[in-house]
Amino acid sequence: VFRDAPQADHVVVLEGSRPRALVTRRNLASWVPGSAAHAPSLIIEDQVAVTALVGLAMARPPDAVYEPVVVTDAQGQFLGTVTMKQLLLRATELAERPATAK
Protein backbone atom coordinates (compact mmCIF):
# COMPACT_ATOMS: atom_id res chain seq x y z
CA VAL A 1 0.00 0.00 0.00
CA PHE A 2 2.71 2.49 0.95
CA ARG A 3 4.61 1.83 -2.26
CA ASP A 4 1.48 2.40 -4.38
CA ALA A 5 0.29 5.41 -2.37
CA PRO A 6 3.31 7.52 -1.37
CA GLN A 7 1.05 10.10 0.29
CA ALA A 8 -0.37 7.49 2.69
CA ASP A 9 0.95 7.81 6.23
CA HIS A 10 -0.94 4.92 7.79
CA VAL A 11 -3.23 2.00 7.07
CA VAL A 12 -5.94 0.53 9.27
CA VAL A 13 -6.36 -3.23 8.99
CA LEU A 14 -10.02 -4.24 9.26
CA GLU A 15 -11.74 -7.45 10.20
CA GLY A 16 -15.03 -7.02 8.38
CA SER A 17 -15.76 -3.39 9.15
CA ARG A 18 -14.05 -3.28 12.55
CA PRO A 19 -10.53 -1.91 13.10
CA ARG A 20 -8.04 -4.52 14.27
CA ALA A 21 -4.59 -3.10 13.58
CA LEU A 22 -2.75 0.05 12.60
CA VAL A 23 0.37 0.16 10.44
CA THR A 24 2.17 3.48 10.04
CA ARG A 25 5.13 4.33 7.85
CA ARG A 26 7.06 4.89 11.08
CA ASN A 27 6.43 1.42 12.48
CA LEU A 28 6.58 -0.32 9.10
CA ALA A 29 10.36 -0.70 9.36
CA SER A 30 9.97 -2.94 12.41
CA TRP A 31 6.97 -4.87 11.07
CA VAL A 32 7.65 -8.33 9.71
CA PRO A 33 5.23 -9.64 7.03
CA GLY A 34 3.15 -12.42 8.48
CA SER A 35 3.47 -11.08 12.01
CA ALA A 36 0.63 -9.38 13.79
CA ALA A 37 0.44 -5.62 13.32
CA HIS A 38 -0.15 -3.77 16.56
CA ALA A 39 -3.58 -2.78 17.77
CA PRO A 40 -4.40 0.93 17.45
CA SER A 41 -3.37 2.78 20.61
CA LEU A 42 -6.65 4.72 20.65
CA ILE A 43 -10.04 3.89 19.15
CA ILE A 44 -12.84 6.37 19.85
CA GLU A 45 -16.46 6.82 18.87
CA ASP A 46 -17.28 9.66 16.53
CA GLN A 47 -19.37 11.39 19.23
CA VAL A 48 -16.40 12.08 21.54
CA ALA A 49 -15.81 15.82 21.99
CA VAL A 50 -12.62 17.20 20.47
CA THR A 51 -11.44 18.54 23.82
CA ALA A 52 -11.90 15.13 25.46
CA LEU A 53 -10.14 13.45 22.54
CA VAL A 54 -7.10 15.71 22.92
CA GLY A 55 -6.74 14.60 26.54
CA LEU A 56 -7.14 10.92 25.67
CA ALA A 57 -4.67 11.16 22.79
CA MET A 58 -2.01 12.94 24.84
CA ALA A 59 -2.36 10.42 27.69
CA ARG A 60 -1.10 7.59 25.49
CA PRO A 61 2.40 6.14 25.99
CA PRO A 62 5.16 8.37 24.56
CA ASP A 63 5.81 6.12 21.56
CA ALA A 64 2.11 6.24 20.61
CA VAL A 65 1.26 9.92 21.21
CA TYR A 66 1.53 10.89 17.54
CA GLU A 67 -0.15 7.81 16.07
CA PRO A 68 -3.43 8.46 14.25
CA VAL A 69 -6.60 7.97 16.26
CA VAL A 70 -9.04 5.42 14.84
CA VAL A 71 -12.67 6.59 14.73
CA THR A 72 -15.69 4.28 14.83
CA ASP A 73 -19.43 4.66 15.11
CA ALA A 74 -21.35 3.53 18.21
CA GLN A 75 -21.43 -0.04 16.86
CA GLY A 76 -17.65 -0.20 16.43
CA GLN A 77 -17.75 0.12 12.64
CA PHE A 78 -14.66 1.85 11.18
CA LEU A 79 -15.29 5.42 9.98
CA GLY A 80 -11.77 6.76 9.48
CA THR A 81 -8.77 8.18 11.26
CA VAL A 82 -7.71 11.52 12.70
CA THR A 83 -4.07 12.56 12.80
CA MET A 84 -2.68 14.55 15.69
CA LYS A 85 -2.12 17.47 13.31
CA GLN A 86 -5.81 17.46 12.33
CA LEU A 87 -6.86 17.15 15.95
CA LEU A 88 -4.66 20.02 17.14
CA LEU A 89 -5.77 22.27 14.27
CA ARG A 90 -9.45 21.59 15.08
CA ALA A 91 -8.94 22.14 18.82
CA THR A 92 -7.22 25.46 18.09
CA GLU A 93 -10.02 26.47 15.74
CA LEU A 94 -12.62 25.71 18.42
CA ALA A 95 -10.65 27.58 21.08
CA GLU A 96 -10.41 30.68 18.88
CA ARG A 97 -14.10 30.67 17.96
CA PRO A 98 -16.05 33.46 19.68
CA ALA A 99 -18.44 32.20 22.32
CA THR A 100 -22.03 32.18 21.11
CA ALA A 101 -24.72 33.81 23.21
CA LYS A 102 -27.39 31.52 24.60
PDB file of N, CA and C in Angstrom:
ATOM      1  N   VAL A   1       0.828  -1.202   0.000  1.00  0.00           N
ATOM      2  CA  VAL A   1       0.000   0.000   0.000  1.00  0.00           C
ATOM      3  C   VAL A   1       0.864   1.254   0.000  1.00  0.00           C
ATOM      4  N   PHE A   2       1.872   1.289   0.853  1.00  0.00           N
ATOM      5  CA  PHE A   2       2.708   2.486   0.950  1.00  0.00           C
ATOM      6  C   PHE A   2       3.493   2.731  -0.335  1.00  0.00           C
ATOM      7  N   ARG A   3       3.880   1.680  -1.004  1.00  0.00           N
ATOM      8  CA  ARG A   3       4.606   1.830  -2.261  1.00  0.00           C
ATOM      9  C   ARG A   3       3.692   2.408  -3.346  1.00  0.00           C
ATOM     10  N   ASP A   4       2.436   1.947  -3.366  1.00  0.00           N
ATOM     11  CA  ASP A   4       1.480   2.397  -4.380  1.00  0.00           C
ATOM     12  C   ASP A   4       0.849   3.745  -4.046  1.00  0.00           C
ATOM     13  N   ALA A   5       0.889   4.143  -2.794  1.00  0.00           N
ATOM     14  CA  ALA A   5       0.292   5.413  -2.365  1.00  0.00           C
ATOM     15  C   ALA A   5       1.297   6.169  -1.501  1.00  0.00           C
ATOM     16  N   PRO A   6       2.252   6.849  -2.132  1.00  0.00           N
ATOM     17  CA  PRO A   6       3.311   7.518  -1.370  1.00  0.00           C
ATOM     18  C   PRO A   6       2.803   8.576  -0.394  1.00  0.00           C
ATOM     19  N   GLN A   7       1.607   9.093  -0.618  1.00  0.00           N
ATOM     20  CA  GLN A   7       1.048  10.095   0.286  1.00  0.00           C
ATOM     21  C   GLN A   7       0.447   9.479   1.546  1.00  0.00           C
ATOM     22  N   ALA A   8       0.234   8.174   1.538  1.00  0.00           N
ATOM     23  CA  ALA A   8      -0.366   7.492   2.689  1.00  0.00           C
ATOM     24  C   ALA A   8       0.618   7.456   3.856  1.00  0.00           C
ATOM     25  N   ASP A   9       0.131   7.820   5.020  1.00  0.00           N
ATOM     26  CA  ASP A   9       0.947   7.811   6.230  1.00  0.00           C
ATOM     27  C   ASP A   9       0.671   6.585   7.087  1.00  0.00           C
ATOM     28  N   HIS A  10      -0.548   6.059   6.960  1.00  0.00           N
ATOM     29  CA  HIS A  10      -0.937   4.923   7.787  1.00  0.00           C
ATOM     30  C   HIS A  10      -2.047   4.130   7.108  1.00  0.00           C
ATOM     31  N   VAL A  11      -2.208   2.901   7.578  1.00  0.00           N
ATOM     32  CA  VAL A  11      -3.235   1.997   7.066  1.00  0.00           C
ATOM     33  C   VAL A  11      -3.890   1.327   8.262  1.00  0.00           C
ATOM     34  N   VAL A  12      -5.209   1.253   8.232  1.00  0.00           N
ATOM     35  CA  VAL A  12      -5.941   0.534   9.270  1.00  0.00           C
ATOM     36  C   VAL A  12      -6.345  -0.812   8.684  1.00  0.00           C
ATOM     37  N   VAL A  13      -6.008  -1.874   9.405  1.00  0.00           N
ATOM     38  CA  VAL A  13      -6.362  -3.226   8.990  1.00  0.00           C
ATOM     39  C   VAL A  13      -7.712  -3.544   9.624  1.00  0.00           C
ATOM     40  N   LEU A  14      -8.664  -3.959   8.781  1.00  0.00           N
ATOM     41  CA  LEU A  14     -10.016  -4.238   9.256  1.00  0.00           C
ATOM     42  C   LEU A  14     -10.294  -5.728   9.278  1.00  0.00           C
ATOM     43  N   GLU A  15     -11.150  -6.116  10.194  1.00  0.00           N
ATOM     44  CA  GLU A  15     -11.737  -7.453  10.204  1.00  0.00           C
ATOM     45  C   GLU A  15     -13.221  -7.199   9.978  1.00  0.00           C
ATOM     46  N   GLY A  16     -13.683  -7.456   8.756  1.00  0.00           N
ATOM     47  CA  GLY A  16     -15.028  -7.023   8.385  1.00  0.00           C
ATOM     48  C   GLY A  16     -14.999  -5.510   8.296  1.00  0.00           C
ATOM     49  N   SER A  17     -15.774  -4.849   9.131  1.00  0.00           N
ATOM     50  CA  SER A  17     -15.762  -3.386   9.151  1.00  0.00           C
ATOM     51  C   SER A  17     -15.243  -2.836  10.475  1.00  0.00           C
ATOM     52  N   ARG A  18     -14.580  -3.692  11.248  1.00  0.00           N
ATOM     53  CA  ARG A  18     -14.048  -3.282  12.555  1.00  0.00           C
ATOM     54  C   ARG A  18     -12.517  -3.167  12.519  1.00  0.00           C
ATOM     55  N   PRO A  19     -11.993  -2.088  13.095  1.00  0.00           N
ATOM     56  CA  PRO A  19     -10.533  -1.910  13.102  1.00  0.00           C
ATOM     57  C   PRO A  19      -9.846  -2.925  14.005  1.00  0.00           C
ATOM     58  N   ARG A  20      -8.789  -3.534  13.494  1.00  0.00           N
ATOM     59  CA  ARG A  20      -8.043  -4.523  14.269  1.00  0.00           C
ATOM     60  C   ARG A  20      -6.578  -4.167  14.440  1.00  0.00           C
ATOM     61  N   ALA A  21      -6.010  -3.437  13.483  1.00  0.00           N
ATOM     62  CA  ALA A  21      -4.587  -3.105  13.576  1.00  0.00           C
ATOM     63  C   ALA A  21      -4.304  -1.802  12.843  1.00  0.00           C
ATOM     64  N   LEU A  22      -3.205  -1.192  13.211  1.00  0.00           N
ATOM     65  CA  LEU A  22      -2.754   0.048  12.599  1.00  0.00           C
ATOM     66  C   LEU A  22      -1.301  -0.134  12.175  1.00  0.00           C
ATOM     67  N   VAL A  23      -1.011   0.191  10.927  1.00  0.00           N
ATOM     68  CA  VAL A  23       0.368   0.163  10.435  1.00  0.00           C
ATOM     69  C   VAL A  23       0.683   1.568   9.949  1.00  0.00           C
ATOM     70  N   THR A  24       1.742   2.158  10.484  1.00  0.00           N
ATOM     71  CA  THR A  24       2.173   3.484  10.037  1.00  0.00           C
ATOM     72  C   THR A  24       3.502   3.350   9.308  1.00  0.00           C
ATOM     73  N   ARG A  25       3.816   4.351   8.520  1.00  0.00           N
ATOM     74  CA  ARG A  25       5.131   4.333   7.855  1.00  0.00           C
ATOM     75  C   ARG A  25       6.242   4.215   8.897  1.00  0.00           C
ATOM     76  N   ARG A  26       6.038   4.886  10.024  1.00  0.00           N
ATOM     77  CA  ARG A  26       7.056   4.890  11.080  1.00  0.00           C
ATOM     78  C   ARG A  26       7.296   3.504  11.650  1.00  0.00           C
ATOM     79  N   ASN A  27       6.219   2.741  11.884  1.00  0.00           N
ATOM     80  CA  ASN A  27       6.428   1.420  12.478  1.00  0.00           C
ATOM     81  C   ASN A  27       6.550   0.321  11.435  1.00  0.00           C
ATOM     82  N   LEU A  28       6.458   0.668  10.166  1.00  0.00           N
ATOM     83  CA  LEU A  28       6.578  -0.323   9.101  1.00  0.00           C
ATOM     84  C   LEU A  28       7.967  -0.965   9.090  1.00  0.00           C
ATOM     85  N   ALA A  29       8.991  -0.176   9.407  1.00  0.00           N
ATOM     86  CA  ALA A  29      10.360  -0.698   9.364  1.00  0.00           C
ATOM     87  C   ALA A  29      10.557  -1.865  10.333  1.00  0.00           C
ATOM     88  N   SER A  30       9.811  -1.863  11.437  1.00  0.00           N
ATOM     89  CA  SER A  30       9.972  -2.939  12.411  1.00  0.00           C
ATOM     90  C   SER A  30       8.934  -4.047  12.246  1.00  0.00           C
ATOM     91  N   TRP A  31       8.018  -3.877  11.282  1.00  0.00           N
ATOM     92  CA  TRP A  31       6.972  -4.873  11.070  1.00  0.00           C
ATOM     93  C   TRP A  31       7.472  -5.961  10.136  1.00  0.00           C
ATOM     94  N   VAL A  32       7.231  -7.190  10.507  1.00  0.00           N
ATOM     95  CA  VAL A  32       7.654  -8.334   9.709  1.00  0.00           C
ATOM     96  C   VAL A  32       6.419  -8.930   9.041  1.00  0.00           C
ATOM     97  N   PRO A  33       6.400  -9.039   7.698  1.00  0.00           N
ATOM     98  CA  PRO A  33       5.234  -9.636   7.033  1.00  0.00           C
ATOM     99  C   PRO A  33       4.890 -10.991   7.658  1.00  0.00           C
ATOM    100  N   GLY A  34       3.608 -11.180   7.863  1.00  0.00           N
ATOM    101  CA  GLY A  34       3.148 -12.417   8.477  1.00  0.00           C
ATOM    102  C   GLY A  34       3.004 -12.305   9.979  1.00  0.00           C
ATOM    103  N   SER A  35       3.639 -11.271  10.572  1.00  0.00           N
ATOM    104  CA  SER A  35       3.474 -11.083  12.008  1.00  0.00           C
ATOM    105  C   SER A  35       2.258 -10.204  12.248  1.00  0.00           C
ATOM    106  N   ALA A  36       1.793 -10.190  13.460  1.00  0.00           N
ATOM    107  CA  ALA A  36       0.630  -9.376  13.790  1.00  0.00           C
ATOM    108  C   ALA A  36       1.029  -7.904  13.842  1.00  0.00           C
ATOM    109  N   ALA A  37       0.251  -7.060  13.184  1.00  0.00           N
ATOM    110  CA  ALA A  37       0.439  -5.620  13.318  1.00  0.00           C
ATOM    111  C   ALA A  37      -0.093  -5.246  14.701  1.00  0.00           C
ATOM    112  N   HIS A  38       0.295  -4.104  15.208  1.00  0.00           N
ATOM    113  CA  HIS A  38      -0.148  -3.769  16.558  1.00  0.00           C
ATOM    114  C   HIS A  38      -1.539  -3.149  16.548  1.00  0.00           C
ATOM    115  N   ALA A  39      -2.244  -3.355  17.632  1.00  0.00           N
ATOM    116  CA  ALA A  39      -3.581  -2.781  17.773  1.00  0.00           C
ATOM    117  C   ALA A  39      -3.456  -1.262  17.853  1.00  0.00           C
ATOM    118  N   PRO A  40      -4.448  -0.535  17.333  1.00  0.00           N
ATOM    119  CA  PRO A  40      -4.398   0.929  17.450  1.00  0.00           C
ATOM    120  C   PRO A  40      -4.314   1.329  18.921  1.00  0.00           C
ATOM    121  N   SER A  41      -3.537   2.363  19.220  1.00  0.00           N
ATOM    122  CA  SER A  41      -3.370   2.783  20.608  1.00  0.00           C
ATOM    123  C   SER A  41      -4.592   3.535  21.125  1.00  0.00           C
ATOM    124  N   LEU A  42      -5.447   4.022  20.213  1.00  0.00           N
ATOM    125  CA  LEU A  42      -6.653   4.716  20.645  1.00  0.00           C
ATOM    126  C   LEU A  42      -7.734   4.564  19.582  1.00  0.00           C
ATOM    127  N   ILE A  43      -8.859   3.996  19.994  1.00  0.00           N
ATOM    128  CA  ILE A  43     -10.045   3.887  19.153  1.00  0.00           C
ATOM    129  C   ILE A  43     -11.149   4.631  19.883  1.00  0.00           C
ATOM    130  N   ILE A  44     -11.789   5.585  19.211  1.00  0.00           N
ATOM    131  CA  ILE A  44     -12.836   6.374  19.853  1.00  0.00           C
ATOM    132  C   ILE A  44     -14.093   6.380  18.978  1.00  0.00           C
ATOM    133  N   GLU A  45     -15.219   6.639  19.611  1.00  0.00           N
ATOM    134  CA  GLU A  45     -16.465   6.819  18.867  1.00  0.00           C
ATOM    135  C   GLU A  45     -16.509   8.228  18.307  1.00  0.00           C
ATOM    136  N   ASP A  46     -17.216   8.372  17.208  1.00  0.00           N
ATOM    137  CA  ASP A  46     -17.279   9.662  16.530  1.00  0.00           C
ATOM    138  C   ASP A  46     -17.989  10.747  17.341  1.00  0.00           C
ATOM    139  N   GLN A  47     -18.656  10.404  18.413  1.00  0.00           N
ATOM    140  CA  GLN A  47     -19.373  11.388  19.232  1.00  0.00           C
ATOM    141  C   GLN A  47     -18.525  11.996  20.345  1.00  0.00           C
ATOM    142  N   VAL A  48     -17.277  11.557  20.493  1.00  0.00           N
ATOM    143  CA  VAL A  48     -16.399  12.084  21.537  1.00  0.00           C
ATOM    144  C   VAL A  48     -16.034  13.531  21.202  1.00  0.00           C
ATOM    145  N   ALA A  49     -16.139  14.403  22.184  1.00  0.00           N
ATOM    146  CA  ALA A  49     -15.806  15.819  21.991  1.00  0.00           C
ATOM    147  C   ALA A  49     -14.316  15.980  21.689  1.00  0.00           C
ATOM    148  N   VAL A  50     -14.007  16.950  20.859  1.00  0.00           N
ATOM    149  CA  VAL A  50     -12.619  17.201  20.467  1.00  0.00           C
ATOM    150  C   VAL A  50     -11.752  17.460  21.692  1.00  0.00           C
ATOM    151  N   THR A  51     -12.250  18.233  22.639  1.00  0.00           N
ATOM    152  CA  THR A  51     -11.443  18.540  23.824  1.00  0.00           C
ATOM    153  C   THR A  51     -11.160  17.282  24.639  1.00  0.00           C
ATOM    154  N   ALA A  52     -12.122  16.392  24.744  1.00  0.00           N
ATOM    155  CA  ALA A  52     -11.903  15.129  25.457  1.00  0.00           C
ATOM    156  C   ALA A  52     -10.914  14.256  24.692  1.00  0.00           C
ATOM    157  N   LEU A  53     -11.026  14.250  23.376  1.00  0.00           N
ATOM    158  CA  LEU A  53     -10.138  13.447  22.544  1.00  0.00           C
ATOM    159  C   LEU A  53      -8.686  13.901  22.671  1.00  0.00           C
ATOM    160  N   VAL A  54      -8.467  15.200  22.745  1.00  0.00           N
ATOM    161  CA  VAL A  54      -7.100  15.710  22.921  1.00  0.00           C
ATOM    162  C   VAL A  54      -6.494  15.131  24.192  1.00  0.00           C
ATOM    163  N   GLY A  55      -7.239  15.147  25.282  1.00  0.00           N
ATOM    164  CA  GLY A  55      -6.743  14.601  26.542  1.00  0.00           C
ATOM    165  C   GLY A  55      -6.446  13.116  26.447  1.00  0.00           C
ATOM    166  N   LEU A  56      -7.349  12.361  25.824  1.00  0.00           N
ATOM    167  CA  LEU A  56      -7.137  10.921  25.669  1.00  0.00           C
ATOM    168  C   LEU A  56      -5.912  10.634  24.801  1.00  0.00           C
ATOM    169  N   ALA A  57      -5.778  11.387  23.718  1.00  0.00           N
ATOM    170  CA  ALA A  57      -4.665  11.162  22.794  1.00  0.00           C
ATOM    171  C   ALA A  57      -3.324  11.473  23.453  1.00  0.00           C
ATOM    172  N   MET A  58      -3.276  12.542  24.211  1.00  0.00           N
ATOM    173  CA  MET A  58      -2.015  12.936  24.838  1.00  0.00           C
ATOM    174  C   MET A  58      -1.668  12.071  26.046  1.00  0.00           C
ATOM    175  N   ALA A  59      -2.619  11.307  26.556  1.00  0.00           N
ATOM    176  CA  ALA A  59      -2.361  10.424  27.695  1.00  0.00           C
ATOM    177  C   ALA A  59      -1.790   9.073  27.273  1.00  0.00           C
ATOM    178  N   ARG A  60      -1.653   8.858  25.966  1.00  0.00           N
ATOM    179  CA  ARG A  60      -1.098   7.589  25.487  1.00  0.00           C
ATOM    180  C   ARG A  60       0.386   7.502  25.816  1.00  0.00           C
ATOM    181  N   PRO A  61       0.955   6.296  25.753  1.00  0.00           N
ATOM    182  CA  PRO A  61       2.398   6.141  25.990  1.00  0.00           C
ATOM    183  C   PRO A  61       3.195   7.014  25.000  1.00  0.00           C
ATOM    184  N   PRO A  62       4.369   7.473  25.407  1.00  0.00           N
ATOM    185  CA  PRO A  62       5.159   8.374  24.562  1.00  0.00           C
ATOM    186  C   PRO A  62       5.369   7.890  23.129  1.00  0.00           C
ATOM    187  N   ASP A  63       5.567   6.603  22.924  1.00  0.00           N
ATOM    188  CA  ASP A  63       5.812   6.120  21.564  1.00  0.00           C
ATOM    189  C   ASP A  63       4.535   6.066  20.720  1.00  0.00           C
ATOM    190  N   ALA A  64       3.374   6.297  21.334  1.00  0.00           N
ATOM    191  CA  ALA A  64       2.115   6.241  20.605  1.00  0.00           C
ATOM    192  C   ALA A  64       1.406   7.594  20.502  1.00  0.00           C
ATOM    193  N   VAL A  65       1.935   8.616  21.158  1.00  0.00           N
ATOM    194  CA  VAL A  65       1.258   9.918  21.206  1.00  0.00           C
ATOM    195  C   VAL A  65       0.914  10.456  19.822  1.00  0.00           C
ATOM    196  N   TYR A  66       1.771  10.289  18.860  1.00  0.00           N
ATOM    197  CA  TYR A  66       1.530  10.889  17.543  1.00  0.00           C
ATOM    198  C   TYR A  66       0.933   9.917  16.527  1.00  0.00           C
ATOM    199  N   GLU A  67       0.533   8.731  16.975  1.00  0.00           N
ATOM    200  CA  GLU A  67      -0.153   7.811  16.067  1.00  0.00           C
ATOM    201  C   GLU A  67      -1.543   8.360  15.746  1.00  0.00           C
ATOM    202  N   PRO A  68      -2.051   8.055  14.569  1.00  0.00           N
ATOM    203  CA  PRO A  68      -3.425   8.458  14.255  1.00  0.00           C
ATOM    204  C   PRO A  68      -4.416   7.809  15.223  1.00  0.00           C
ATOM    205  N   VAL A  69      -5.522   8.486  15.436  1.00  0.00           N
ATOM    206  CA  VAL A  69      -6.599   7.969  16.263  1.00  0.00           C
ATOM    207  C   VAL A  69      -7.616   7.323  15.321  1.00  0.00           C
ATOM    208  N   VAL A  70      -8.059   6.126  15.647  1.00  0.00           N
ATOM    209  CA  VAL A  70      -9.044   5.417  14.837  1.00  0.00           C
ATOM    210  C   VAL A  70     -10.436   5.794  15.336  1.00  0.00           C
ATOM    211  N   VAL A  71     -11.312   6.140  14.391  1.00  0.00           N
ATOM    212  CA  VAL A  71     -12.667   6.588  14.731  1.00  0.00           C
ATOM    213  C   VAL A  71     -13.682   5.555  14.254  1.00  0.00           C
ATOM    214  N   THR A  72     -14.623   5.223  15.151  1.00  0.00           N
ATOM    215  CA  THR A  72     -15.688   4.278  14.826  1.00  0.00           C
ATOM    216  C   THR A  72     -17.040   4.908  15.147  1.00  0.00           C
ATOM    217  N   ASP A  73     -18.092   4.253  14.681  1.00  0.00           N
ATOM    218  CA  ASP A  73     -19.427   4.660  15.105  1.00  0.00           C
ATOM    219  C   ASP A  73     -19.754   3.936  16.409  1.00  0.00           C
ATOM    220  N   ALA A  74     -20.963   4.124  16.926  1.00  0.00           N
ATOM    221  CA  ALA A  74     -21.346   3.531  18.211  1.00  0.00           C
ATOM    222  C   ALA A  74     -21.333   2.006  18.182  1.00  0.00           C
ATOM    223  N   GLN A  75     -21.443   1.416  16.996  1.00  0.00           N
ATOM    224  CA  GLN A  75     -21.429  -0.043  16.864  1.00  0.00           C
ATOM    225  C   GLN A  75     -20.030  -0.609  16.630  1.00  0.00           C
ATOM    226  N   GLY A  76     -19.020   0.255  16.626  1.00  0.00           N
ATOM    227  CA  GLY A  76     -17.650  -0.201  16.429  1.00  0.00           C
ATOM    228  C   GLY A  76     -17.236  -0.333  14.975  1.00  0.00           C
ATOM    229  N   GLN A  77     -18.062   0.177  14.067  1.00  0.00           N
ATOM    230  CA  GLN A  77     -17.752   0.125  12.640  1.00  0.00           C
ATOM    231  C   GLN A  77     -16.747   1.234  12.300  1.00  0.00           C
ATOM    232  N   PHE A  78     -15.716   0.904  11.548  1.00  0.00           N
ATOM    233  CA  PHE A  78     -14.661   1.850  11.183  1.00  0.00           C
ATOM    234  C   PHE A  78     -15.219   2.999  10.345  1.00  0.00           C
ATOM    235  N   LEU A  79     -14.894   4.237  10.740  1.00  0.00           N
ATOM    236  CA  LEU A  79     -15.286   5.420   9.979  1.00  0.00           C
ATOM    237  C   LEU A  79     -14.087   6.119   9.343  1.00  0.00           C
ATOM    238  N   GLY A  80     -12.944   6.076  10.005  1.00  0.00           N
ATOM    239  CA  GLY A  80     -11.765   6.756   9.480  1.00  0.00           C
ATOM    240  C   GLY A  80     -10.735   6.967  10.571  1.00  0.00           C
ATOM    241  N   THR A  81      -9.801   7.864  10.286  1.00  0.00           N
ATOM    242  CA  THR A  81      -8.766   8.183  11.264  1.00  0.00           C
ATOM    243  C   THR A  81      -8.616   9.696  11.372  1.00  0.00           C
ATOM    244  N   VAL A  82      -8.027  10.113  12.468  1.00  0.00           N
ATOM    245  CA  VAL A  82      -7.708  11.520  12.699  1.00  0.00           C
ATOM    246  C   VAL A  82      -6.249  11.573  13.108  1.00  0.00           C
ATOM    247  N   THR A  83      -5.478  12.397  12.420  1.00  0.00           N
ATOM    248  CA  THR A  83      -4.070  12.559  12.800  1.00  0.00           C
ATOM    249  C   THR A  83      -3.972  13.585  13.925  1.00  0.00           C
ATOM    250  N   MET A  84      -2.878  13.569  14.623  1.00  0.00           N
ATOM    251  CA  MET A  84      -2.684  14.546  15.692  1.00  0.00           C
ATOM    252  C   MET A  84      -2.664  15.958  15.123  1.00  0.00           C
ATOM    253  N   LYS A  85      -2.123  16.139  13.935  1.00  0.00           N
ATOM    254  CA  LYS A  85      -2.121  17.468  13.314  1.00  0.00           C
ATOM    255  C   LYS A  85      -3.555  17.943  13.092  1.00  0.00           C
ATOM    256  N   GLN A  86      -4.413  17.087  12.550  1.00  0.00           N
ATOM    257  CA  GLN A  86      -5.811  17.463  12.334  1.00  0.00           C
ATOM    258  C   GLN A  86      -6.503  17.777  13.652  1.00  0.00           C
ATOM    259  N   LEU A  87      -6.234  16.963  14.652  1.00  0.00           N
ATOM    260  CA  LEU A  87      -6.857  17.151  15.954  1.00  0.00           C
ATOM    261  C   LEU A  87      -6.433  18.468  16.592  1.00  0.00           C
ATOM    262  N   LEU A  88      -5.148  18.774  16.553  1.00  0.00           N
ATOM    263  CA  LEU A  88      -4.664  20.021  17.145  1.00  0.00           C
ATOM    264  C   LEU A  88      -5.173  21.242  16.384  1.00  0.00           C
ATOM    265  N   LEU A  89      -5.232  21.149  15.052  1.00  0.00           N
ATOM    266  CA  LEU A  89      -5.775  22.267  14.270  1.00  0.00           C
ATOM    267  C   LEU A  89      -7.238  22.513  14.615  1.00  0.00           C
ATOM    268  N   ARG A  90      -8.022  21.450  14.749  1.00  0.00           N
ATOM    269  CA  ARG A  90      -9.451  21.590  15.083  1.00  0.00           C
ATOM    270  C   ARG A  90      -9.627  22.128  16.493  1.00  0.00           C
ATOM    271  N   ALA A  91      -8.844  21.651  17.447  1.00  0.00           N
ATOM    272  CA  ALA A  91      -8.937  22.138  18.822  1.00  0.00           C
ATOM    273  C   ALA A  91      -8.596  23.624  18.885  1.00  0.00           C
ATOM    274  N   THR A  92      -7.592  24.049  18.136  1.00  0.00           N
ATOM    275  CA  THR A  92      -7.217  25.460  18.086  1.00  0.00           C
ATOM    276  C   THR A  92      -8.329  26.292  17.474  1.00  0.00           C
ATOM    277  N   GLU A  93      -8.909  25.786  16.399  1.00  0.00           N
ATOM    278  CA  GLU A  93     -10.021  26.474  15.737  1.00  0.00           C
ATOM    279  C   GLU A  93     -11.192  26.660  16.705  1.00  0.00           C
ATOM    280  N   LEU A  94     -11.520  25.622  17.459  1.00  0.00           N
ATOM    281  CA  LEU A  94     -12.620  25.713  18.417  1.00  0.00           C
ATOM    282  C   LEU A  94     -12.299  26.681  19.549  1.00  0.00           C
ATOM    283  N   ALA A  95     -11.054  26.675  19.996  1.00  0.00           N
ATOM    284  CA  ALA A  95     -10.650  27.578  21.083  1.00  0.00           C
ATOM    285  C   ALA A  95     -10.696  29.033  20.652  1.00  0.00           C
ATOM    286  N   GLU A  96     -10.430  29.306  19.383  1.00  0.00           N
ATOM    287  CA  GLU A  96     -10.408  30.679  18.880  1.00  0.00           C
ATOM    288  C   GLU A  96     -11.781  31.186  18.470  1.00  0.00           C
ATOM    289  N   ARG A  97     -12.751  30.278  18.361  1.00  0.00           N
ATOM    290  CA  ARG A  97     -14.103  30.668  17.957  1.00  0.00           C
ATOM    291  C   ARG A  97     -14.741  31.505  19.040  1.00  0.00           C
ATOM    292  N   PRO A  98     -15.378  32.640  18.661  1.00  0.00           N
ATOM    293  CA  PRO A  98     -16.047  33.455  19.675  1.00  0.00           C
ATOM    294  C   PRO A  98     -17.191  32.677  20.319  1.00  0.00           C
ATOM    295  N   ALA A  99     -17.357  32.881  21.609  1.00  0.00           N
ATOM    296  CA  ALA A  99     -18.437  32.204  22.324  1.00  0.00           C
ATOM    297  C   ALA A  99     -19.776  32.704  21.784  1.00  0.00           C
ATOM    298  N   THR A 100     -20.708  31.793  21.612  1.00  0.00           N
ATOM    299  CA  THR A 100     -22.031  32.182  21.113  1.00  0.00           C
ATOM    300  C   THR A 100     -22.947  32.469  22.288  1.00  0.00           C
ATOM    301  N   ALA A 101     -23.772  33.453  22.137  1.00  0.00           N
ATOM    302  CA  ALA A 101     -24.722  33.812  23.213  1.00  0.00           C
ATOM    303  C   ALA A 101     -25.844  32.797  23.249  1.00  0.00           C
ATOM    304  N   LYS A 102     -26.283  32.471  24.446  1.00  0.00           N
ATOM    305  CA  LYS A 102     -27.391  31.525  24.603  1.00  0.00           C
ATOM    306  C   LYS A 102     -28.591  32.218  25.156  1.00  0.00           C
TER     307      LYS A 102
END
